[in-house]
Amino acid sequence: MNSRIECTLSKFVKTKLCGVVNKLEGRDAMLRDLYRFKRWACLNLVKFNKAKCKVLHMAWGNPKYKYRLGGERLERSLEKDLRVLVHEKLDMSQQCALAAQKANCILGCIKRSMASSLREVILSLYSSLVRPHLDYCIQL
C-alpha cells in the first residue's frame, strides 16, 4: 500500500495521511490517496472506523476543501495527538483550559477527601497530583 501513496503516510498507533493542499493538485493527490486507502481496506477486508477519521486544516489561507471516505464526508475538528489538542490555527487555549479544569477537579477531590488540613500535606498532594497538569500546559 505504501508504494503508491503520494502524500506523507505515518503509520504508528494512529495512521496519518498528511500533505500540502494549497492548490487543486494537492487536493486531488489527497483524494486519490483516500480512495487507495478505501480500496486497500476493501481488498483486505479491513473496516475503517469513519467516525475516527478527521480532517485538520492547518493554515490561515487554507481553502478548506471537503473530503470523503467512501460515501461519507469527513468532518473537520480538533485532533488530540500525543496528549496535545491540535487546532487548525495552532491555538493551544483549549488545551490549557482542559488542563486547568482537570487541575481544579483534582483540587476538589483533595479538599473533599482530606481530613487533615496541614500545610505540608496539602502542599505535597498539590505538588504531586495537581502541578504536573499545569506544568504540562505551561510548556505549550
N, C-alpha and C. Protein backbone atom coordinates (compact mmCIF):
# COMPACT_ATOMS: atom_id res chain seq x y z
N MET A 1 0.82 -1.19 0.00
CA MET A 1 0.00 0.00 0.00
C MET A 1 0.87 1.26 0.00
N ASN A 2 2.00 1.25 0.66
CA ASN A 2 2.85 2.44 0.76
C ASN A 2 3.41 2.88 -0.59
N SER A 3 3.60 1.96 -1.50
CA SER A 3 4.32 2.27 -2.73
C SER A 3 3.61 3.28 -3.61
N ARG A 4 2.29 3.36 -3.56
CA ARG A 4 1.58 4.26 -4.46
C ARG A 4 0.98 5.47 -3.76
N ILE A 5 1.26 5.65 -2.49
CA ILE A 5 0.73 6.80 -1.76
C ILE A 5 1.55 8.03 -2.13
N GLU A 6 0.88 9.10 -2.52
CA GLU A 6 1.55 10.32 -2.95
C GLU A 6 1.86 11.25 -1.78
N CYS A 7 1.01 11.29 -0.78
CA CYS A 7 1.19 12.17 0.36
C CYS A 7 2.03 11.47 1.43
N THR A 8 2.34 12.17 2.50
CA THR A 8 3.12 11.59 3.59
C THR A 8 2.22 10.65 4.39
N LEU A 9 2.70 9.43 4.61
CA LEU A 9 1.95 8.43 5.35
C LEU A 9 2.71 8.09 6.62
N SER A 10 2.07 8.24 7.76
CA SER A 10 2.66 7.93 9.04
C SER A 10 1.84 6.81 9.68
N LYS A 11 2.48 5.66 9.91
CA LYS A 11 1.76 4.52 10.48
C LYS A 11 2.35 4.17 11.84
N PHE A 12 1.69 4.61 12.88
CA PHE A 12 2.06 4.24 14.24
C PHE A 12 0.79 3.76 14.91
N VAL A 13 0.47 4.28 16.07
CA VAL A 13 -0.77 3.90 16.72
C VAL A 13 -1.95 4.39 15.89
N LYS A 14 -1.84 5.62 15.41
CA LYS A 14 -2.85 6.18 14.52
C LYS A 14 -2.20 6.39 13.17
N THR A 15 -2.86 5.98 12.12
CA THR A 15 -2.34 6.21 10.78
C THR A 15 -2.72 7.61 10.36
N LYS A 16 -1.73 8.36 9.86
CA LYS A 16 -1.98 9.74 9.45
C LYS A 16 -1.58 9.91 7.99
N LEU A 17 -2.41 10.59 7.26
CA LEU A 17 -2.14 10.93 5.88
C LEU A 17 -2.01 12.45 5.83
N CYS A 18 -0.83 12.93 5.48
CA CYS A 18 -0.56 14.37 5.53
C CYS A 18 -0.09 14.86 4.17
N GLY A 19 -0.40 16.08 3.87
CA GLY A 19 0.07 16.66 2.63
C GLY A 19 -0.23 18.14 2.55
N VAL A 20 0.48 18.82 1.67
CA VAL A 20 0.24 20.24 1.43
C VAL A 20 -0.89 20.34 0.42
N VAL A 21 -1.95 21.01 0.81
CA VAL A 21 -3.14 21.09 -0.03
C VAL A 21 -3.51 22.56 -0.20
N ASN A 22 -2.63 23.30 -0.86
CA ASN A 22 -2.94 24.71 -1.09
C ASN A 22 -3.37 24.96 -2.54
N LYS A 23 -3.33 23.92 -3.35
CA LYS A 23 -3.77 24.01 -4.75
C LYS A 23 -4.63 22.79 -5.06
N LEU A 24 -5.29 22.83 -6.19
CA LEU A 24 -6.14 21.70 -6.58
C LEU A 24 -5.35 20.42 -6.77
N GLU A 25 -4.08 20.53 -7.20
CA GLU A 25 -3.26 19.32 -7.38
C GLU A 25 -3.04 18.60 -6.05
N GLY A 26 -2.80 19.37 -5.00
CA GLY A 26 -2.63 18.78 -3.67
C GLY A 26 -3.89 18.12 -3.17
N ARG A 27 -5.02 18.79 -3.42
CA ARG A 27 -6.30 18.21 -3.02
C ARG A 27 -6.57 16.92 -3.77
N ASP A 28 -6.28 16.93 -5.08
CA ASP A 28 -6.51 15.72 -5.88
C ASP A 28 -5.62 14.57 -5.43
N ALA A 29 -4.37 14.87 -5.05
CA ALA A 29 -3.47 13.82 -4.55
C ALA A 29 -4.02 13.23 -3.25
N MET A 30 -4.53 14.10 -2.37
CA MET A 30 -5.09 13.62 -1.11
C MET A 30 -6.33 12.75 -1.37
N LEU A 31 -7.18 13.17 -2.30
CA LEU A 31 -8.37 12.39 -2.64
C LEU A 31 -8.01 11.03 -3.24
N ARG A 32 -6.97 11.01 -4.10
CA ARG A 32 -6.52 9.72 -4.67
C ARG A 32 -6.03 8.80 -3.56
N ASP A 33 -5.27 9.36 -2.61
CA ASP A 33 -4.76 8.52 -1.52
C ASP A 33 -5.90 8.01 -0.63
N LEU A 34 -6.90 8.84 -0.37
CA LEU A 34 -8.06 8.37 0.39
C LEU A 34 -8.78 7.25 -0.34
N TYR A 35 -8.89 7.38 -1.66
CA TYR A 35 -9.51 6.33 -2.46
C TYR A 35 -8.68 5.04 -2.38
N ARG A 36 -7.35 5.19 -2.45
CA ARG A 36 -6.48 4.00 -2.34
C ARG A 36 -6.63 3.32 -0.99
N PHE A 37 -6.74 4.11 0.08
CA PHE A 37 -6.97 3.54 1.41
C PHE A 37 -8.27 2.75 1.43
N LYS A 38 -9.31 3.34 0.90
CA LYS A 38 -10.62 2.68 0.89
C LYS A 38 -10.56 1.38 0.08
N ARG A 39 -9.92 1.43 -1.08
CA ARG A 39 -9.82 0.23 -1.93
C ARG A 39 -8.98 -0.84 -1.25
N TRP A 40 -7.85 -0.45 -0.63
CA TRP A 40 -6.99 -1.39 0.09
C TRP A 40 -7.77 -2.05 1.22
N ALA A 41 -8.57 -1.26 1.94
CA ALA A 41 -9.35 -1.80 3.05
C ALA A 41 -10.37 -2.82 2.55
N CYS A 42 -11.01 -2.53 1.44
CA CYS A 42 -12.00 -3.47 0.89
C CYS A 42 -11.33 -4.77 0.45
N LEU A 43 -10.18 -4.66 -0.21
CA LEU A 43 -9.47 -5.85 -0.68
C LEU A 43 -8.97 -6.72 0.47
N ASN A 44 -8.58 -6.09 1.58
CA ASN A 44 -8.03 -6.82 2.72
C ASN A 44 -9.04 -7.05 3.83
N LEU A 45 -10.31 -6.77 3.54
CA LEU A 45 -11.41 -6.98 4.48
C LEU A 45 -11.17 -6.26 5.81
N VAL A 46 -10.66 -5.04 5.71
CA VAL A 46 -10.43 -4.20 6.88
C VAL A 46 -11.48 -3.09 6.87
N LYS A 47 -12.08 -2.85 8.02
CA LYS A 47 -13.07 -1.78 8.10
C LYS A 47 -12.44 -0.55 8.75
N PHE A 48 -12.60 0.59 8.09
CA PHE A 48 -12.18 1.84 8.69
C PHE A 48 -13.30 2.32 9.60
N ASN A 49 -12.92 2.85 10.74
CA ASN A 49 -13.90 3.49 11.62
C ASN A 49 -14.01 4.93 11.14
N LYS A 50 -15.00 5.19 10.31
CA LYS A 50 -15.14 6.52 9.70
C LYS A 50 -15.40 7.59 10.73
N ALA A 51 -15.94 7.21 11.88
CA ALA A 51 -16.17 8.20 12.94
C ALA A 51 -14.86 8.73 13.50
N LYS A 52 -13.78 7.95 13.37
CA LYS A 52 -12.48 8.39 13.88
C LYS A 52 -11.63 9.06 12.80
N CYS A 53 -12.10 9.10 11.59
CA CYS A 53 -11.36 9.76 10.51
C CYS A 53 -11.66 11.25 10.56
N LYS A 54 -10.64 12.07 10.69
CA LYS A 54 -10.80 13.51 10.84
C LYS A 54 -9.96 14.24 9.80
N VAL A 55 -10.36 15.47 9.53
CA VAL A 55 -9.61 16.36 8.65
C VAL A 55 -9.15 17.53 9.49
N LEU A 56 -7.88 17.87 9.39
CA LEU A 56 -7.33 19.01 10.12
C LEU A 56 -6.68 19.95 9.13
N HIS A 57 -7.28 21.12 8.95
CA HIS A 57 -6.72 22.15 8.07
C HIS A 57 -5.81 23.02 8.92
N MET A 58 -4.56 23.21 8.48
CA MET A 58 -3.62 23.99 9.28
C MET A 58 -2.99 25.09 8.44
N ALA A 59 -3.68 26.20 8.30
CA ALA A 59 -3.13 27.37 7.62
C ALA A 59 -4.15 28.49 7.70
N TRP A 60 -3.68 29.71 7.54
CA TRP A 60 -4.59 30.86 7.58
C TRP A 60 -5.39 30.96 6.29
N GLY A 61 -4.75 30.80 5.15
CA GLY A 61 -5.44 30.96 3.88
C GLY A 61 -5.87 29.65 3.26
N ASN A 62 -6.11 28.65 4.06
CA ASN A 62 -6.46 27.32 3.57
C ASN A 62 -7.84 27.35 2.93
N PRO A 63 -7.97 26.77 1.72
CA PRO A 63 -9.28 26.75 1.06
C PRO A 63 -10.29 25.81 1.72
N LYS A 64 -9.85 24.99 2.66
CA LYS A 64 -10.73 24.08 3.42
C LYS A 64 -11.60 23.22 2.52
N TYR A 65 -10.92 22.44 1.68
CA TYR A 65 -11.63 21.52 0.80
C TYR A 65 -12.37 20.48 1.62
N LYS A 66 -13.40 19.92 1.05
CA LYS A 66 -14.19 18.86 1.68
C LYS A 66 -13.65 17.51 1.21
N TYR A 67 -13.56 16.55 2.13
CA TYR A 67 -13.05 15.22 1.80
C TYR A 67 -14.08 14.17 2.17
N ARG A 68 -14.05 13.07 1.41
CA ARG A 68 -14.95 11.95 1.66
C ARG A 68 -14.14 10.66 1.71
N LEU A 69 -14.59 9.75 2.55
CA LEU A 69 -14.03 8.40 2.60
C LEU A 69 -15.20 7.47 2.33
N GLY A 70 -15.14 6.82 1.17
CA GLY A 70 -16.32 6.09 0.72
C GLY A 70 -17.36 7.11 0.30
N GLY A 71 -18.54 7.03 0.83
CA GLY A 71 -19.57 8.00 0.50
C GLY A 71 -19.79 9.04 1.59
N GLU A 72 -19.08 8.89 2.71
CA GLU A 72 -19.32 9.77 3.85
C GLU A 72 -18.31 10.90 3.91
N ARG A 73 -18.81 12.08 4.22
CA ARG A 73 -17.95 13.25 4.34
C ARG A 73 -17.17 13.20 5.65
N LEU A 74 -15.88 13.52 5.59
CA LEU A 74 -15.04 13.56 6.79
C LEU A 74 -15.18 14.93 7.44
N GLU A 75 -15.34 14.93 8.74
CA GLU A 75 -15.56 16.18 9.48
C GLU A 75 -14.25 16.84 9.87
N ARG A 76 -14.30 18.17 9.95
CA ARG A 76 -13.17 18.93 10.47
C ARG A 76 -13.33 19.02 11.98
N SER A 77 -12.21 18.94 12.70
CA SER A 77 -12.33 19.02 14.15
C SER A 77 -10.97 19.23 14.77
N LEU A 78 -11.01 19.39 16.09
CA LEU A 78 -9.78 19.35 16.86
C LEU A 78 -9.27 17.92 16.83
N GLU A 79 -7.97 17.76 16.94
CA GLU A 79 -7.41 16.42 16.96
C GLU A 79 -6.47 16.31 18.15
N LYS A 80 -6.59 15.24 18.89
CA LYS A 80 -5.71 15.01 20.02
C LYS A 80 -4.66 14.00 19.59
N ASP A 81 -3.39 14.41 19.68
CA ASP A 81 -2.30 13.54 19.27
C ASP A 81 -1.19 13.67 20.29
N LEU A 82 -0.73 12.57 20.83
CA LEU A 82 0.29 12.56 21.87
C LEU A 82 -0.11 13.46 23.04
N ARG A 83 -1.38 13.38 23.44
CA ARG A 83 -1.96 14.12 24.56
C ARG A 83 -2.02 15.62 24.34
N VAL A 84 -1.88 16.08 23.10
CA VAL A 84 -1.96 17.51 22.80
C VAL A 84 -3.11 17.73 21.84
N LEU A 85 -3.99 18.66 22.18
CA LEU A 85 -5.07 19.04 21.27
C LEU A 85 -4.52 19.99 20.22
N VAL A 86 -4.70 19.65 18.97
CA VAL A 86 -4.20 20.48 17.88
C VAL A 86 -5.41 21.10 17.18
N HIS A 87 -5.41 22.42 17.11
CA HIS A 87 -6.47 23.18 16.47
C HIS A 87 -5.96 23.64 15.11
N GLU A 88 -6.85 23.90 14.18
CA GLU A 88 -6.43 24.28 12.82
C GLU A 88 -5.62 25.56 12.80
N LYS A 89 -5.78 26.44 13.78
CA LYS A 89 -4.98 27.67 13.83
C LYS A 89 -3.81 27.54 14.81
N LEU A 90 -3.54 26.32 15.25
CA LEU A 90 -2.47 26.01 16.20
C LEU A 90 -2.63 26.80 17.49
N ASP A 91 -3.86 27.00 17.91
CA ASP A 91 -4.19 27.72 19.13
C ASP A 91 -4.27 26.70 20.26
N MET A 92 -3.52 26.91 21.32
CA MET A 92 -3.47 25.95 22.42
C MET A 92 -4.36 26.34 23.59
N SER A 93 -5.22 27.34 23.43
CA SER A 93 -6.04 27.81 24.55
C SER A 93 -6.98 26.72 25.06
N GLN A 94 -7.52 25.92 24.16
CA GLN A 94 -8.43 24.86 24.60
C GLN A 94 -7.67 23.79 25.38
N GLN A 95 -6.44 23.50 24.97
CA GLN A 95 -5.61 22.54 25.70
C GLN A 95 -5.35 23.04 27.11
N CYS A 96 -5.03 24.32 27.25
CA CYS A 96 -4.76 24.89 28.57
C CYS A 96 -6.02 24.93 29.43
N ALA A 97 -7.16 25.23 28.82
CA ALA A 97 -8.43 25.25 29.57
C ALA A 97 -8.75 23.85 30.10
N LEU A 98 -8.51 22.83 29.30
CA LEU A 98 -8.77 21.45 29.76
C LEU A 98 -7.81 21.06 30.88
N ALA A 99 -6.55 21.49 30.79
CA ALA A 99 -5.58 21.19 31.85
C ALA A 99 -5.99 21.88 33.15
N ALA A 100 -6.43 23.14 33.07
CA ALA A 100 -6.86 23.86 34.27
C ALA A 100 -8.11 23.21 34.87
N GLN A 101 -9.02 22.77 34.02
CA GLN A 101 -10.24 22.10 34.50
C GLN A 101 -9.88 20.81 35.24
N LYS A 102 -8.94 20.06 34.67
CA LYS A 102 -8.53 18.81 35.31
C LYS A 102 -7.85 19.09 36.65
N ALA A 103 -7.01 20.13 36.70
CA ALA A 103 -6.34 20.50 37.95
C ALA A 103 -7.36 20.92 39.01
N ASN A 104 -8.38 21.68 38.61
CA ASN A 104 -9.43 22.08 39.56
C ASN A 104 -10.21 20.88 40.09
N CYS A 105 -10.47 19.91 39.24
CA CYS A 105 -11.16 18.69 39.68
C CYS A 105 -10.33 17.95 40.72
N ILE A 106 -9.04 17.86 40.48
CA ILE A 106 -8.16 17.16 41.42
C ILE A 106 -8.09 17.92 42.74
N LEU A 107 -8.03 19.26 42.66
CA LEU A 107 -8.04 20.06 43.89
C LEU A 107 -9.32 19.83 44.68
N GLY A 108 -10.45 19.75 44.00
CA GLY A 108 -11.71 19.48 44.67
C GLY A 108 -11.72 18.12 45.36
N CYS A 109 -11.15 17.12 44.69
CA CYS A 109 -11.06 15.78 45.30
C CYS A 109 -10.19 15.81 46.54
N ILE A 110 -9.07 16.54 46.47
CA ILE A 110 -8.18 16.65 47.63
C ILE A 110 -8.93 17.32 48.78
N LYS A 111 -9.63 18.40 48.48
CA LYS A 111 -10.35 19.15 49.53
C LYS A 111 -11.43 18.30 50.18
N ARG A 112 -12.17 17.53 49.38
CA ARG A 112 -13.26 16.71 49.92
C ARG A 112 -12.76 15.48 50.68
N SER A 113 -11.62 14.95 50.30
CA SER A 113 -11.20 13.68 50.89
C SER A 113 -10.16 13.80 52.00
N MET A 114 -9.63 14.99 52.22
CA MET A 114 -8.58 15.15 53.23
C MET A 114 -9.17 15.56 54.58
N ALA A 115 -8.89 14.76 55.60
CA ALA A 115 -9.31 15.12 56.95
C ALA A 115 -8.33 16.12 57.54
N SER A 116 -7.07 15.99 57.16
CA SER A 116 -6.03 16.87 57.68
C SER A 116 -5.88 18.08 56.75
N SER A 117 -5.75 19.24 57.34
CA SER A 117 -5.52 20.43 56.53
C SER A 117 -4.15 21.03 56.82
N LEU A 118 -3.21 20.16 57.18
CA LEU A 118 -1.84 20.63 57.41
C LEU A 118 -1.24 21.12 56.11
N ARG A 119 -0.55 22.23 56.20
CA ARG A 119 0.05 22.86 55.02
C ARG A 119 0.98 21.91 54.28
N GLU A 120 1.79 21.16 55.00
CA GLU A 120 2.77 20.26 54.39
C GLU A 120 2.07 19.15 53.59
N VAL A 121 0.98 18.63 54.14
CA VAL A 121 0.25 17.56 53.48
C VAL A 121 -0.40 18.07 52.19
N ILE A 122 -1.08 19.22 52.29
CA ILE A 122 -1.74 19.81 51.13
C ILE A 122 -0.71 20.17 50.06
N LEU A 123 0.40 20.75 50.47
CA LEU A 123 1.45 21.13 49.51
C LEU A 123 2.04 19.91 48.81
N SER A 124 2.23 18.83 49.56
CA SER A 124 2.75 17.60 48.96
C SER A 124 1.77 17.02 47.94
N LEU A 125 0.49 17.00 48.28
CA LEU A 125 -0.52 16.50 47.35
C LEU A 125 -0.64 17.40 46.12
N TYR A 126 -0.59 18.70 46.34
CA TYR A 126 -0.66 19.65 45.21
C TYR A 126 0.52 19.43 44.27
N SER A 127 1.72 19.31 44.85
CA SER A 127 2.93 19.15 44.04
C SER A 127 2.92 17.86 43.23
N SER A 128 2.36 16.80 43.81
CA SER A 128 2.41 15.51 43.12
C SER A 128 1.21 15.25 42.22
N LEU A 129 0.04 15.80 42.54
CA LEU A 129 -1.16 15.48 41.78
C LEU A 129 -1.67 16.60 40.86
N VAL A 130 -1.52 17.84 41.28
CA VAL A 130 -2.11 18.96 40.53
C VAL A 130 -1.09 19.63 39.62
N ARG A 131 0.05 19.94 40.17
CA ARG A 131 1.05 20.72 39.43
C ARG A 131 1.50 20.11 38.12
N PRO A 132 1.66 18.77 38.01
CA PRO A 132 2.07 18.21 36.71
C PRO A 132 1.13 18.59 35.56
N HIS A 133 -0.16 18.69 35.82
CA HIS A 133 -1.11 19.08 34.77
C HIS A 133 -0.89 20.52 34.35
N LEU A 134 -0.63 21.39 35.31
CA LEU A 134 -0.41 22.80 35.00
C LEU A 134 0.96 23.01 34.36
N ASP A 135 1.98 22.28 34.81
CA ASP A 135 3.30 22.38 34.18
C ASP A 135 3.25 21.94 32.74
N TYR A 136 2.49 20.89 32.48
CA TYR A 136 2.33 20.40 31.11
C TYR A 136 1.73 21.48 30.22
N CYS A 137 0.77 22.20 30.75
CA CYS A 137 0.12 23.26 29.98
C CYS A 137 1.07 24.43 29.75
N ILE A 138 1.88 24.78 30.73
CA ILE A 138 2.81 25.90 30.60
C ILE A 138 3.83 25.63 29.50
N GLN A 139 4.24 24.39 29.31
CA GLN A 139 5.23 24.06 28.29
C GLN A 139 4.71 24.29 26.89
N LEU A 140 3.40 24.29 26.72
CA LEU A 140 2.82 24.51 25.40
C LEU A 140 2.94 25.96 25.05
